[in-house]
Amino acid sequence: LALKFLYQGGQTEIVGVDIAQVGSS
């Protein structure tokens, strides 16, 4: 799975991403 992030507001940087099934830890 490849995701592209769009419309990132503020004045920040995304430097880490985790993914999980909804409801899962």
PDBML (XML) file of the C-alpha atoms, coordinates in Angstrom:
<?xml version="1.0" encoding="UTF-8" ?>
<PDBx:datablock datablockName="MODEL"
   xmlns:PDBx="http://pdbml.pdb.org/schema/pdbx-v50.xsd"
   xmlns:xsi="http://www.w3.org/2001/XMLSchema-instance"
   xsi:schemaLocation="http://pdbml.pdb.org/schema/pdbx-v50.xsd pdbx-v50.xsd">
   <PDBx:atom_siteCategory>
      <PDBx:atom_site id="1">
         <PDBx:B_iso_or_equiv>0.00</PDBx:B_iso_or_equiv>
         <PDBx:Cartn_x>0.000</PDBx:Cartn_x>
         <PDBx:Cartn_y>0.000</PDBx:Cartn_y>
         <PDBx:Cartn_z>0.000</PDBx:Cartn_z>
         <PDBx:auth_asym_id>A</PDBx:auth_asym_id>
         <PDBx:auth_atom_id>CA</PDBx:auth_atom_id>
         <PDBx:auth_comp_id>LEU</PDBx:auth_comp_id>
         <PDBx:auth_seq_id>1</PDBx:auth_seq_id>
         <PDBx:group_PDB>ATOM</PDBx:group_PDB>
         <PDBx:label_alt_id xsi:nil="true" />
         <PDBx:label_asym_id>A</PDBx:label_asym_id>
         <PDBx:label_atom_id>CA</PDBx:label_atom_id>
         <PDBx:label_comp_id>LEU</PDBx:label_comp_id>
         <PDBx:label_entity_id>1</PDBx:label_entity_id>
         <PDBx:label_seq_id>1</PDBx:label_seq_id>
         <PDBx:occupancy>1.00</PDBx:occupancy>
         <PDBx:pdbx_PDB_model_num>1</PDBx:pdbx_PDB_model_num>
         <PDBx:type_symbol>C</PDBx:type_symbol>
      </PDBx:atom_site>
      <PDBx:atom_site id="2">
         <PDBx:B_iso_or_equiv>0.00</PDBx:B_iso_or_equiv>
         <PDBx:Cartn_x>1.348</PDBx:Cartn_x>
         <PDBx:Cartn_y>3.425</PDBx:Cartn_y>
         <PDBx:Cartn_z>-1.017</PDBx:Cartn_z>
         <PDBx:auth_asym_id>A</PDBx:auth_asym_id>
         <PDBx:auth_atom_id>CA</PDBx:auth_atom_id>
         <PDBx:auth_comp_id>ALA</PDBx:auth_comp_id>
         <PDBx:auth_seq_id>2</PDBx:auth_seq_id>
         <PDBx:group_PDB>ATOM</PDBx:group_PDB>
         <PDBx:label_alt_id xsi:nil="true" />
         <PDBx:label_asym_id>A</PDBx:label_asym_id>
         <PDBx:label_atom_id>CA</PDBx:label_atom_id>
         <PDBx:label_comp_id>ALA</PDBx:label_comp_id>
         <PDBx:label_entity_id>1</PDBx:label_entity_id>
         <PDBx:label_seq_id>2</PDBx:label_seq_id>
         <PDBx:occupancy>1.00</PDBx:occupancy>
         <PDBx:pdbx_PDB_model_num>1</PDBx:pdbx_PDB_model_num>
         <PDBx:type_symbol>C</PDBx:type_symbol>
      </PDBx:atom_site>
      <PDBx:atom_site id="3">
         <PDBx:B_iso_or_equiv>0.00</PDBx:B_iso_or_equiv>
         <PDBx:Cartn_x>-0.285</PDBx:Cartn_x>
         <PDBx:Cartn_y>6.626</PDBx:Cartn_y>
         <PDBx:Cartn_z>0.240</PDBx:Cartn_z>
         <PDBx:auth_asym_id>A</PDBx:auth_asym_id>
         <PDBx:auth_atom_id>CA</PDBx:auth_atom_id>
         <PDBx:auth_comp_id>LEU</PDBx:auth_comp_id>
         <PDBx:auth_seq_id>3</PDBx:auth_seq_id>
         <PDBx:group_PDB>ATOM</PDBx:group_PDB>
         <PDBx:label_alt_id xsi:nil="true" />
         <PDBx:label_asym_id>A</PDBx:label_asym_id>
         <PDBx:label_atom_id>CA</PDBx:label_atom_id>
         <PDBx:label_comp_id>LEU</PDBx:label_comp_id>
         <PDBx:label_entity_id>1</PDBx:label_entity_id>
         <PDBx:label_seq_id>3</PDBx:label_seq_id>
         <PDBx:occupancy>1.00</PDBx:occupancy>
         <PDBx:pdbx_PDB_model_num>1</PDBx:pdbx_PDB_model_num>
         <PDBx:type_symbol>C</PDBx:type_symbol>
      </PDBx:atom_site>
      <PDBx:atom_site id="4">
         <PDBx:B_iso_or_equiv>0.00</PDBx:B_iso_or_equiv>
         <PDBx:Cartn_x>0.284</PDBx:Cartn_x>
         <PDBx:Cartn_y>10.236</PDBx:Cartn_y>
         <PDBx:Cartn_z>-0.747</PDBx:Cartn_z>
         <PDBx:auth_asym_id>A</PDBx:auth_asym_id>
         <PDBx:auth_atom_id>CA</PDBx:auth_atom_id>
         <PDBx:auth_comp_id>LYS</PDBx:auth_comp_id>
         <PDBx:auth_seq_id>4</PDBx:auth_seq_id>
         <PDBx:group_PDB>ATOM</PDBx:group_PDB>
         <PDBx:label_alt_id xsi:nil="true" />
         <PDBx:label_asym_id>A</PDBx:label_asym_id>
         <PDBx:label_atom_id>CA</PDBx:label_atom_id>
         <PDBx:label_comp_id>LYS</PDBx:label_comp_id>
         <PDBx:label_entity_id>1</PDBx:label_entity_id>
         <PDBx:label_seq_id>4</PDBx:label_seq_id>
         <PDBx:occupancy>1.00</PDBx:occupancy>
         <PDBx:pdbx_PDB_model_num>1</PDBx:pdbx_PDB_model_num>
         <PDBx:type_symbol>C</PDBx:type_symbol>
      </PDBx:atom_site>
      <PDBx:atom_site id="5">
         <PDBx:B_iso_or_equiv>0.00</PDBx:B_iso_or_equiv>
         <PDBx:Cartn_x>-0.523</PDBx:Cartn_x>
         <PDBx:Cartn_y>12.990</PDBx:Cartn_y>
         <PDBx:Cartn_z>1.759</PDBx:Cartn_z>
         <PDBx:auth_asym_id>A</PDBx:auth_asym_id>
         <PDBx:auth_atom_id>CA</PDBx:auth_atom_id>
         <PDBx:auth_comp_id>PHE</PDBx:auth_comp_id>
         <PDBx:auth_seq_id>5</PDBx:auth_seq_id>
         <PDBx:group_PDB>ATOM</PDBx:group_PDB>
         <PDBx:label_alt_id xsi:nil="true" />
         <PDBx:label_asym_id>A</PDBx:label_asym_id>
         <PDBx:label_atom_id>CA</PDBx:label_atom_id>
         <PDBx:label_comp_id>PHE</PDBx:label_comp_id>
         <PDBx:label_entity_id>1</PDBx:label_entity_id>
         <PDBx:label_seq_id>5</PDBx:label_seq_id>
         <PDBx:occupancy>1.00</PDBx:occupancy>
         <PDBx:pdbx_PDB_model_num>1</PDBx:pdbx_PDB_model_num>
         <PDBx:type_symbol>C</PDBx:type_symbol>
      </PDBx:atom_site>
      <PDBx:atom_site id="6">
         <PDBx:B_iso_or_equiv>0.00</PDBx:B_iso_or_equiv>
         <PDBx:Cartn_x>-2.283</PDBx:Cartn_x>
         <PDBx:Cartn_y>16.100</PDBx:Cartn_y>
         <PDBx:Cartn_z>0.455</PDBx:Cartn_z>
         <PDBx:auth_asym_id>A</PDBx:auth_asym_id>
         <PDBx:auth_atom_id>CA</PDBx:auth_atom_id>
         <PDBx:auth_comp_id>LEU</PDBx:auth_comp_id>
         <PDBx:auth_seq_id>6</PDBx:auth_seq_id>
         <PDBx:group_PDB>ATOM</PDBx:group_PDB>
         <PDBx:label_alt_id xsi:nil="true" />
         <PDBx:label_asym_id>A</PDBx:label_asym_id>
         <PDBx:label_atom_id>CA</PDBx:label_atom_id>
         <PDBx:label_comp_id>LEU</PDBx:label_comp_id>
         <PDBx:label_entity_id>1</PDBx:label_entity_id>
         <PDBx:label_seq_id>6</PDBx:label_seq_id>
         <PDBx:occupancy>1.00</PDBx:occupancy>
         <PDBx:pdbx_PDB_model_num>1</PDBx:pdbx_PDB_model_num>
         <PDBx:type_symbol>C</PDBx:type_symbol>
      </PDBx:atom_site>
      <PDBx:atom_site id="7">
         <PDBx:B_iso_or_equiv>0.00</PDBx:B_iso_or_equiv>
         <PDBx:Cartn_x>-3.442</PDBx:Cartn_x>
         <PDBx:Cartn_y>19.421</PDBx:Cartn_y>
         <PDBx:Cartn_z>1.929</PDBx:Cartn_z>
         <PDBx:auth_asym_id>A</PDBx:auth_asym_id>
         <PDBx:auth_atom_id>CA</PDBx:auth_atom_id>
         <PDBx:auth_comp_id>TYR</PDBx:auth_comp_id>
         <PDBx:auth_seq_id>7</PDBx:auth_seq_id>
         <PDBx:group_PDB>ATOM</PDBx:group_PDB>
         <PDBx:label_alt_id xsi:nil="true" />
         <PDBx:label_asym_id>A</PDBx:label_asym_id>
         <PDBx:label_atom_id>CA</PDBx:label_atom_id>
         <PDBx:label_comp_id>TYR</PDBx:label_comp_id>
         <PDBx:label_entity_id>1</PDBx:label_entity_id>
         <PDBx:label_seq_id>7</PDBx:label_seq_id>
         <PDBx:occupancy>1.00</PDBx:occupancy>
         <PDBx:pdbx_PDB_model_num>1</PDBx:pdbx_PDB_model_num>
         <PDBx:type_symbol>C</PDBx:type_symbol>
      </PDBx:atom_site>
      <PDBx:atom_site id="8">
         <PDBx:B_iso_or_equiv>0.00</PDBx:B_iso_or_equiv>
         <PDBx:Cartn_x>-1.195</PDBx:Cartn_x>
         <PDBx:Cartn_y>19.310</PDBx:Cartn_y>
         <PDBx:Cartn_z>4.999</PDBx:Cartn_z>
         <PDBx:auth_asym_id>A</PDBx:auth_asym_id>
         <PDBx:auth_atom_id>CA</PDBx:auth_atom_id>
         <PDBx:auth_comp_id>GLN</PDBx:auth_comp_id>
         <PDBx:auth_seq_id>8</PDBx:auth_seq_id>
         <PDBx:group_PDB>ATOM</PDBx:group_PDB>
         <PDBx:label_alt_id xsi:nil="true" />
         <PDBx:label_asym_id>A</PDBx:label_asym_id>
         <PDBx:label_atom_id>CA</PDBx:label_atom_id>
         <PDBx:label_comp_id>GLN</PDBx:label_comp_id>
         <PDBx:label_entity_id>1</PDBx:label_entity_id>
         <PDBx:label_seq_id>8</PDBx:label_seq_id>
         <PDBx:occupancy>1.00</PDBx:occupancy>
         <PDBx:pdbx_PDB_model_num>1</PDBx:pdbx_PDB_model_num>
         <PDBx:type_symbol>C</PDBx:type_symbol>
      </PDBx:atom_site>
      <PDBx:atom_site id="9">
         <PDBx:B_iso_or_equiv>0.00</PDBx:B_iso_or_equiv>
         <PDBx:Cartn_x>-1.951</PDBx:Cartn_x>
         <PDBx:Cartn_y>22.443</PDBx:Cartn_y>
         <PDBx:Cartn_z>6.982</PDBx:Cartn_z>
         <PDBx:auth_asym_id>A</PDBx:auth_asym_id>
         <PDBx:auth_atom_id>CA</PDBx:auth_atom_id>
         <PDBx:auth_comp_id>GLY</PDBx:auth_comp_id>
         <PDBx:auth_seq_id>9</PDBx:auth_seq_id>
         <PDBx:group_PDB>ATOM</PDBx:group_PDB>
         <PDBx:label_alt_id xsi:nil="true" />
         <PDBx:label_asym_id>A</PDBx:label_asym_id>
         <PDBx:label_atom_id>CA</PDBx:label_atom_id>
         <PDBx:label_comp_id>GLY</PDBx:label_comp_id>
         <PDBx:label_entity_id>1</PDBx:label_entity_id>
         <PDBx:label_seq_id>9</PDBx:label_seq_id>
         <PDBx:occupancy>1.00</PDBx:occupancy>
         <PDBx:pdbx_PDB_model_num>1</PDBx:pdbx_PDB_model_num>
         <PDBx:type_symbol>C</PDBx:type_symbol>
      </PDBx:atom_site>
      <PDBx:atom_site id="10">
         <PDBx:B_iso_or_equiv>0.00</PDBx:B_iso_or_equiv>
         <PDBx:Cartn_x>0.057</PDBx:Cartn_x>
         <PDBx:Cartn_y>24.341</PDBx:Cartn_y>
         <PDBx:Cartn_z>9.554</PDBx:Cartn_z>
         <PDBx:auth_asym_id>A</PDBx:auth_asym_id>
         <PDBx:auth_atom_id>CA</PDBx:auth_atom_id>
         <PDBx:auth_comp_id>GLY</PDBx:auth_comp_id>
         <PDBx:auth_seq_id>10</PDBx:auth_seq_id>
         <PDBx:group_PDB>ATOM</PDBx:group_PDB>
         <PDBx:label_alt_id xsi:nil="true" />
         <PDBx:label_asym_id>A</PDBx:label_asym_id>
         <PDBx:label_atom_id>CA</PDBx:label_atom_id>
         <PDBx:label_comp_id>GLY</PDBx:label_comp_id>
         <PDBx:label_entity_id>1</PDBx:label_entity_id>
         <PDBx:label_seq_id>10</PDBx:label_seq_id>
         <PDBx:occupancy>1.00</PDBx:occupancy>
         <PDBx:pdbx_PDB_model_num>1</PDBx:pdbx_PDB_model_num>
         <PDBx:type_symbol>C</PDBx:type_symbol>
      </PDBx:atom_site>
      <PDBx:atom_site id="11">
         <PDBx:B_iso_or_equiv>0.00</PDBx:B_iso_or_equiv>
         <PDBx:Cartn_x>3.805</PDBx:Cartn_x>
         <PDBx:Cartn_y>24.737</PDBx:Cartn_y>
         <PDBx:Cartn_z>9.604</PDBx:Cartn_z>
         <PDBx:auth_asym_id>A</PDBx:auth_asym_id>
         <PDBx:auth_atom_id>CA</PDBx:auth_atom_id>
         <PDBx:auth_comp_id>GLN</PDBx:auth_comp_id>
         <PDBx:auth_seq_id>11</PDBx:auth_seq_id>
         <PDBx:group_PDB>ATOM</PDBx:group_PDB>
         <PDBx:label_alt_id xsi:nil="true" />
         <PDBx:label_asym_id>A</PDBx:label_asym_id>
         <PDBx:label_atom_id>CA</PDBx:label_atom_id>
         <PDBx:label_comp_id>GLN</PDBx:label_comp_id>
         <PDBx:label_entity_id>1</PDBx:label_entity_id>
         <PDBx:label_seq_id>11</PDBx:label_seq_id>
         <PDBx:occupancy>1.00</PDBx:occupancy>
         <PDBx:pdbx_PDB_model_num>1</PDBx:pdbx_PDB_model_num>
         <PDBx:type_symbol>C</PDBx:type_symbol>
      </PDBx:atom_site>
      <PDBx:atom_site id="12">
         <PDBx:B_iso_or_equiv>0.00</PDBx:B_iso_or_equiv>
         <PDBx:Cartn_x>4.929</PDBx:Cartn_x>
         <PDBx:Cartn_y>21.219</PDBx:Cartn_y>
         <PDBx:Cartn_z>10.353</PDBx:Cartn_z>
         <PDBx:auth_asym_id>A</PDBx:auth_asym_id>
         <PDBx:auth_atom_id>CA</PDBx:auth_atom_id>
         <PDBx:auth_comp_id>THR</PDBx:auth_comp_id>
         <PDBx:auth_seq_id>12</PDBx:auth_seq_id>
         <PDBx:group_PDB>ATOM</PDBx:group_PDB>
         <PDBx:label_alt_id xsi:nil="true" />
         <PDBx:label_asym_id>A</PDBx:label_asym_id>
         <PDBx:label_atom_id>CA</PDBx:label_atom_id>
         <PDBx:label_comp_id>THR</PDBx:label_comp_id>
         <PDBx:label_entity_id>1</PDBx:label_entity_id>
         <PDBx:label_seq_id>12</PDBx:label_seq_id>
         <PDBx:occupancy>1.00</PDBx:occupancy>
         <PDBx:pdbx_PDB_model_num>1</PDBx:pdbx_PDB_model_num>
         <PDBx:type_symbol>C</PDBx:type_symbol>
      </PDBx:atom_site>
      <PDBx:atom_site id="13">
         <PDBx:B_iso_or_equiv>0.00</PDBx:B_iso_or_equiv>
         <PDBx:Cartn_x>6.456</PDBx:Cartn_x>
         <PDBx:Cartn_y>18.067</PDBx:Cartn_y>
         <PDBx:Cartn_z>8.887</PDBx:Cartn_z>
         <PDBx:auth_asym_id>A</PDBx:auth_asym_id>
         <PDBx:auth_atom_id>CA</PDBx:auth_atom_id>
         <PDBx:auth_comp_id>GLU</PDBx:auth_comp_id>
         <PDBx:auth_seq_id>13</PDBx:auth_seq_id>
         <PDBx:group_PDB>ATOM</PDBx:group_PDB>
         <PDBx:label_alt_id xsi:nil="true" />
         <PDBx:label_asym_id>A</PDBx:label_asym_id>
         <PDBx:label_atom_id>CA</PDBx:label_atom_id>
         <PDBx:label_comp_id>GLU</PDBx:label_comp_id>
         <PDBx:label_entity_id>1</PDBx:label_entity_id>
         <PDBx:label_seq_id>13</PDBx:label_seq_id>
         <PDBx:occupancy>1.00</PDBx:occupancy>
         <PDBx:pdbx_PDB_model_num>1</PDBx:pdbx_PDB_model_num>
         <PDBx:type_symbol>C</PDBx:type_symbol>
      </PDBx:atom_site>
      <PDBx:atom_site id="14">
         <PDBx:B_iso_or_equiv>0.00</PDBx:B_iso_or_equiv>
         <PDBx:Cartn_x>5.140</PDBx:Cartn_x>
         <PDBx:Cartn_y>14.511</PDBx:Cartn_y>
         <PDBx:Cartn_z>8.889</PDBx:Cartn_z>
         <PDBx:auth_asym_id>A</PDBx:auth_asym_id>
         <PDBx:auth_atom_id>CA</PDBx:auth_atom_id>
         <PDBx:auth_comp_id>ILE</PDBx:auth_comp_id>
         <PDBx:auth_seq_id>14</PDBx:auth_seq_id>
         <PDBx:group_PDB>ATOM</PDBx:group_PDB>
         <PDBx:label_alt_id xsi:nil="true" />
         <PDBx:label_asym_id>A</PDBx:label_asym_id>
         <PDBx:label_atom_id>CA</PDBx:label_atom_id>
         <PDBx:label_comp_id>ILE</PDBx:label_comp_id>
         <PDBx:label_entity_id>1</PDBx:label_entity_id>
         <PDBx:label_seq_id>14</PDBx:label_seq_id>
         <PDBx:occupancy>1.00</PDBx:occupancy>
         <PDBx:pdbx_PDB_model_num>1</PDBx:pdbx_PDB_model_num>
         <PDBx:type_symbol>C</PDBx:type_symbol>
      </PDBx:atom_site>
      <PDBx:atom_site id="15">
         <PDBx:B_iso_or_equiv>0.00</PDBx:B_iso_or_equiv>
         <PDBx:Cartn_x>8.136</PDBx:Cartn_x>
         <PDBx:Cartn_y>12.437</PDBx:Cartn_y>
         <PDBx:Cartn_z>9.922</PDBx:Cartn_z>
         <PDBx:auth_asym_id>A</PDBx:auth_asym_id>
         <PDBx:auth_atom_id>CA</PDBx:auth_atom_id>
         <PDBx:auth_comp_id>VAL</PDBx:auth_comp_id>
         <PDBx:auth_seq_id>15</PDBx:auth_seq_id>
         <PDBx:group_PDB>ATOM</PDBx:group_PDB>
         <PDBx:label_alt_id xsi:nil="true" />
         <PDBx:label_asym_id>A</PDBx:label_asym_id>
         <PDBx:label_atom_id>CA</PDBx:label_atom_id>
         <PDBx:label_comp_id>VAL</PDBx:label_comp_id>
         <PDBx:label_entity_id>1</PDBx:label_entity_id>
         <PDBx:label_seq_id>15</PDBx:label_seq_id>
         <PDBx:occupancy>1.00</PDBx:occupancy>
         <PDBx:pdbx_PDB_model_num>1</PDBx:pdbx_PDB_model_num>
         <PDBx:type_symbol>C</PDBx:type_symbol>
      </PDBx:atom_site>
      <PDBx:atom_site id="16">
         <PDBx:B_iso_or_equiv>0.00</PDBx:B_iso_or_equiv>
         <PDBx:Cartn_x>6.520</PDBx:Cartn_x>
         <PDBx:Cartn_y>9.130</PDBx:Cartn_y>
         <PDBx:Cartn_z>10.900</PDBx:Cartn_z>
         <PDBx:auth_asym_id>A</PDBx:auth_asym_id>
         <PDBx:auth_atom_id>CA</PDBx:auth_atom_id>
         <PDBx:auth_comp_id>GLY</PDBx:auth_comp_id>
         <PDBx:auth_seq_id>16</PDBx:auth_seq_id>
         <PDBx:group_PDB>ATOM</PDBx:group_PDB>
         <PDBx:label_alt_id xsi:nil="true" />
         <PDBx:label_asym_id>A</PDBx:label_asym_id>
         <PDBx:label_atom_id>CA</PDBx:label_atom_id>
         <PDBx:label_comp_id>GLY</PDBx:label_comp_id>
         <PDBx:label_entity_id>1</PDBx:label_entity_id>
         <PDBx:label_seq_id>16</PDBx:label_seq_id>
         <PDBx:occupancy>1.00</PDBx:occupancy>
         <PDBx:pdbx_PDB_model_num>1</PDBx:pdbx_PDB_model_num>
         <PDBx:type_symbol>C</PDBx:type_symbol>
      </PDBx:atom_site>
      <PDBx:atom_site id="17">
         <PDBx:B_iso_or_equiv>0.00</PDBx:B_iso_or_equiv>
         <PDBx:Cartn_x>3.425</PDBx:Cartn_x>
         <PDBx:Cartn_y>7.147</PDBx:Cartn_y>
         <PDBx:Cartn_z>9.884</PDBx:Cartn_z>
         <PDBx:auth_asym_id>A</PDBx:auth_asym_id>
         <PDBx:auth_atom_id>CA</PDBx:auth_atom_id>
         <PDBx:auth_comp_id>VAL</PDBx:auth_comp_id>
         <PDBx:auth_seq_id>17</PDBx:auth_seq_id>
         <PDBx:group_PDB>ATOM</PDBx:group_PDB>
         <PDBx:label_alt_id xsi:nil="true" />
         <PDBx:label_asym_id>A</PDBx:label_asym_id>
         <PDBx:label_atom_id>CA</PDBx:label_atom_id>
         <PDBx:label_comp_id>VAL</PDBx:label_comp_id>
         <PDBx:label_entity_id>1</PDBx:label_entity_id>
         <PDBx:label_seq_id>17</PDBx:label_seq_id>
         <PDBx:occupancy>1.00</PDBx:occupancy>
         <PDBx:pdbx_PDB_model_num>1</PDBx:pdbx_PDB_model_num>
         <PDBx:type_symbol>C</PDBx:type_symbol>
      </PDBx:atom_site>
      <PDBx:atom_site id="18">
         <PDBx:B_iso_or_equiv>0.00</PDBx:B_iso_or_equiv>
         <PDBx:Cartn_x>1.823</PDBx:Cartn_x>
         <PDBx:Cartn_y>4.035</PDBx:Cartn_y>
         <PDBx:Cartn_z>11.417</PDBx:Cartn_z>
         <PDBx:auth_asym_id>A</PDBx:auth_asym_id>
         <PDBx:auth_atom_id>CA</PDBx:auth_atom_id>
         <PDBx:auth_comp_id>ASP</PDBx:auth_comp_id>
         <PDBx:auth_seq_id>18</PDBx:auth_seq_id>
         <PDBx:group_PDB>ATOM</PDBx:group_PDB>
         <PDBx:label_alt_id xsi:nil="true" />
         <PDBx:label_asym_id>A</PDBx:label_asym_id>
         <PDBx:label_atom_id>CA</PDBx:label_atom_id>
         <PDBx:label_comp_id>ASP</PDBx:label_comp_id>
         <PDBx:label_entity_id>1</PDBx:label_entity_id>
         <PDBx:label_seq_id>18</PDBx:label_seq_id>
         <PDBx:occupancy>1.00</PDBx:occupancy>
         <PDBx:pdbx_PDB_model_num>1</PDBx:pdbx_PDB_model_num>
         <PDBx:type_symbol>C</PDBx:type_symbol>
      </PDBx:atom_site>
      <PDBx:atom_site id="19">
         <PDBx:B_iso_or_equiv>0.00</PDBx:B_iso_or_equiv>
         <PDBx:Cartn_x>-1.147</PDBx:Cartn_x>
         <PDBx:Cartn_y>2.121</PDBx:Cartn_y>
         <PDBx:Cartn_z>10.027</PDBx:Cartn_z>
         <PDBx:auth_asym_id>A</PDBx:auth_asym_id>
         <PDBx:auth_atom_id>CA</PDBx:auth_atom_id>
         <PDBx:auth_comp_id>ILE</PDBx:auth_comp_id>
         <PDBx:auth_seq_id>19</PDBx:auth_seq_id>
         <PDBx:group_PDB>ATOM</PDBx:group_PDB>
         <PDBx:label_alt_id xsi:nil="true" />
         <PDBx:label_asym_id>A</PDBx:label_asym_id>
         <PDBx:label_atom_id>CA</PDBx:label_atom_id>
         <PDBx:label_comp_id>ILE</PDBx:label_comp_id>
         <PDBx:label_entity_id>1</PDBx:label_entity_id>
         <PDBx:label_seq_id>19</PDBx:label_seq_id>
         <PDBx:occupancy>1.00</PDBx:occupancy>
         <PDBx:pdbx_PDB_model_num>1</PDBx:pdbx_PDB_model_num>
         <PDBx:type_symbol>C</PDBx:type_symbol>
      </PDBx:atom_site>
      <PDBx:atom_site id="20">
         <PDBx:B_iso_or_equiv>0.00</PDBx:B_iso_or_equiv>
         <PDBx:Cartn_x>-3.575</PDBx:Cartn_x>
         <PDBx:Cartn_y>-0.368</PDBx:Cartn_y>
         <PDBx:Cartn_z>11.577</PDBx:Cartn_z>
         <PDBx:auth_asym_id>A</PDBx:auth_asym_id>
         <PDBx:auth_atom_id>CA</PDBx:auth_atom_id>
         <PDBx:auth_comp_id>ALA</PDBx:auth_comp_id>
         <PDBx:auth_seq_id>20</PDBx:auth_seq_id>
         <PDBx:group_PDB>ATOM</PDBx:group_PDB>
         <PDBx:label_alt_id xsi:nil="true" />
         <PDBx:label_asym_id>A</PDBx:label_asym_id>
         <PDBx:label_atom_id>CA</PDBx:label_atom_id>
         <PDBx:label_comp_id>ALA</PDBx:label_comp_id>
         <PDBx:label_entity_id>1</PDBx:label_entity_id>
         <PDBx:label_seq_id>20</PDBx:label_seq_id>
         <PDBx:occupancy>1.00</PDBx:occupancy>
         <PDBx:pdbx_PDB_model_num>1</PDBx:pdbx_PDB_model_num>
         <PDBx:type_symbol>C</PDBx:type_symbol>
      </PDBx:atom_site>
      <PDBx:atom_site id="21">
         <PDBx:B_iso_or_equiv>0.00</PDBx:B_iso_or_equiv>
         <PDBx:Cartn_x>-7.015</PDBx:Cartn_x>
         <PDBx:Cartn_y>-1.819</PDBx:Cartn_y>
         <PDBx:Cartn_z>11.062</PDBx:Cartn_z>
         <PDBx:auth_asym_id>A</PDBx:auth_asym_id>
         <PDBx:auth_atom_id>CA</PDBx:auth_atom_id>
         <PDBx:auth_comp_id>GLN</PDBx:auth_comp_id>
         <PDBx:auth_seq_id>21</PDBx:auth_seq_id>
         <PDBx:group_PDB>ATOM</PDBx:group_PDB>
         <PDBx:label_alt_id xsi:nil="true" />
         <PDBx:label_asym_id>A</PDBx:label_asym_id>
         <PDBx:label_atom_id>CA</PDBx:label_atom_id>
         <PDBx:label_comp_id>GLN</PDBx:label_comp_id>
         <PDBx:label_entity_id>1</PDBx:label_entity_id>
         <PDBx:label_seq_id>21</PDBx:label_seq_id>
         <PDBx:occupancy>1.00</PDBx:occupancy>
         <PDBx:pdbx_PDB_model_num>1</PDBx:pdbx_PDB_model_num>
         <PDBx:type_symbol>C</PDBx:type_symbol>
      </PDBx:atom_site>
      <PDBx:atom_site id="22">
         <PDBx:B_iso_or_equiv>0.00</PDBx:B_iso_or_equiv>
         <PDBx:Cartn_x>-9.698</PDBx:Cartn_x>
         <PDBx:Cartn_y>0.325</PDBx:Cartn_y>
         <PDBx:Cartn_z>12.675</PDBx:Cartn_z>
         <PDBx:auth_asym_id>A</PDBx:auth_asym_id>
         <PDBx:auth_atom_id>CA</PDBx:auth_atom_id>
         <PDBx:auth_comp_id>VAL</PDBx:auth_comp_id>
         <PDBx:auth_seq_id>22</PDBx:auth_seq_id>
         <PDBx:group_PDB>ATOM</PDBx:group_PDB>
         <PDBx:label_alt_id xsi:nil="true" />
         <PDBx:label_asym_id>A</PDBx:label_asym_id>
         <PDBx:label_atom_id>CA</PDBx:label_atom_id>
         <PDBx:label_comp_id>VAL</PDBx:label_comp_id>
         <PDBx:label_entity_id>1</PDBx:label_entity_id>
         <PDBx:label_seq_id>22</PDBx:label_seq_id>
         <PDBx:occupancy>1.00</PDBx:occupancy>
         <PDBx:pdbx_PDB_model_num>1</PDBx:pdbx_PDB_model_num>
         <PDBx:type_symbol>C</PDBx:type_symbol>
      </PDBx:atom_site>
      <PDBx:atom_site id="23">
         <PDBx:B_iso_or_equiv>0.00</PDBx:B_iso_or_equiv>
         <PDBx:Cartn_x>-10.189</PDBx:Cartn_x>
         <PDBx:Cartn_y>-0.871</PDBx:Cartn_y>
         <PDBx:Cartn_z>16.253</PDBx:Cartn_z>
         <PDBx:auth_asym_id>A</PDBx:auth_asym_id>
         <PDBx:auth_atom_id>CA</PDBx:auth_atom_id>
         <PDBx:auth_comp_id>GLY</PDBx:auth_comp_id>
         <PDBx:auth_seq_id>23</PDBx:auth_seq_id>
         <PDBx:group_PDB>ATOM</PDBx:group_PDB>
         <PDBx:label_alt_id xsi:nil="true" />
         <PDBx:label_asym_id>A</PDBx:label_asym_id>
         <PDBx:label_atom_id>CA</PDBx:label_atom_id>
         <PDBx:label_comp_id>GLY</PDBx:label_comp_id>
         <PDBx:label_entity_id>1</PDBx:label_entity_id>
         <PDBx:label_seq_id>23</PDBx:label_seq_id>
         <PDBx:occupancy>1.00</PDBx:occupancy>
         <PDBx:pdbx_PDB_model_num>1</PDBx:pdbx_PDB_model_num>
         <PDBx:type_symbol>C</PDBx:type_symbol>
      </PDBx:atom_site>
      <PDBx:atom_site id="24">
         <PDBx:B_iso_or_equiv>0.00</PDBx:B_iso_or_equiv>
         <PDBx:Cartn_x>-6.864</PDBx:Cartn_x>
         <PDBx:Cartn_y>-2.730</PDBx:Cartn_y>
         <PDBx:Cartn_z>16.346</PDBx:Cartn_z>
         <PDBx:auth_asym_id>A</PDBx:auth_asym_id>
         <PDBx:auth_atom_id>CA</PDBx:auth_atom_id>
         <PDBx:auth_comp_id>SER</PDBx:auth_comp_id>
         <PDBx:auth_seq_id>24</PDBx:auth_seq_id>
         <PDBx:group_PDB>ATOM</PDBx:group_PDB>
         <PDBx:label_alt_id xsi:nil="true" />
         <PDBx:label_asym_id>A</PDBx:label_asym_id>
         <PDBx:label_atom_id>CA</PDBx:label_atom_id>
         <PDBx:label_comp_id>SER</PDBx:label_comp_id>
         <PDBx:label_entity_id>1</PDBx:label_entity_id>
         <PDBx:label_seq_id>24</PDBx:label_seq_id>
         <PDBx:occupancy>1.00</PDBx:occupancy>
         <PDBx:pdbx_PDB_model_num>1</PDBx:pdbx_PDB_model_num>
         <PDBx:type_symbol>C</PDBx:type_symbol>
      </PDBx:atom_site>
      <PDBx:atom_site id="25">
         <PDBx:B_iso_or_equiv>0.00</PDBx:B_iso_or_equiv>
         <PDBx:Cartn_x>-3.805</PDBx:Cartn_x>
         <PDBx:Cartn_y>-1.853</PDBx:Cartn_y>
         <PDBx:Cartn_z>18.443</PDBx:Cartn_z>
         <PDBx:auth_asym_id>A</PDBx:auth_asym_id>
         <PDBx:auth_atom_id>CA</PDBx:auth_atom_id>
         <PDBx:auth_comp_id>SER</PDBx:auth_comp_id>
         <PDBx:auth_seq_id>25</PDBx:auth_seq_id>
         <PDBx:group_PDB>ATOM</PDBx:group_PDB>
         <PDBx:label_alt_id xsi:nil="true" />
         <PDBx:label_asym_id>A</PDBx:label_asym_id>
         <PDBx:label_atom_id>CA</PDBx:label_atom_id>
         <PDBx:label_comp_id>SER</PDBx:label_comp_id>
         <PDBx:label_entity_id>1</PDBx:label_entity_id>
         <PDBx:label_seq_id>25</PDBx:label_seq_id>
         <PDBx:occupancy>1.00</PDBx:occupancy>
         <PDBx:pdbx_PDB_model_num>1</PDBx:pdbx_PDB_model_num>
         <PDBx:type_symbol>C</PDBx:type_symbol>
      </PDBx:atom_site>
   </PDBx:atom_siteCategory>
</PDBx:datablock>
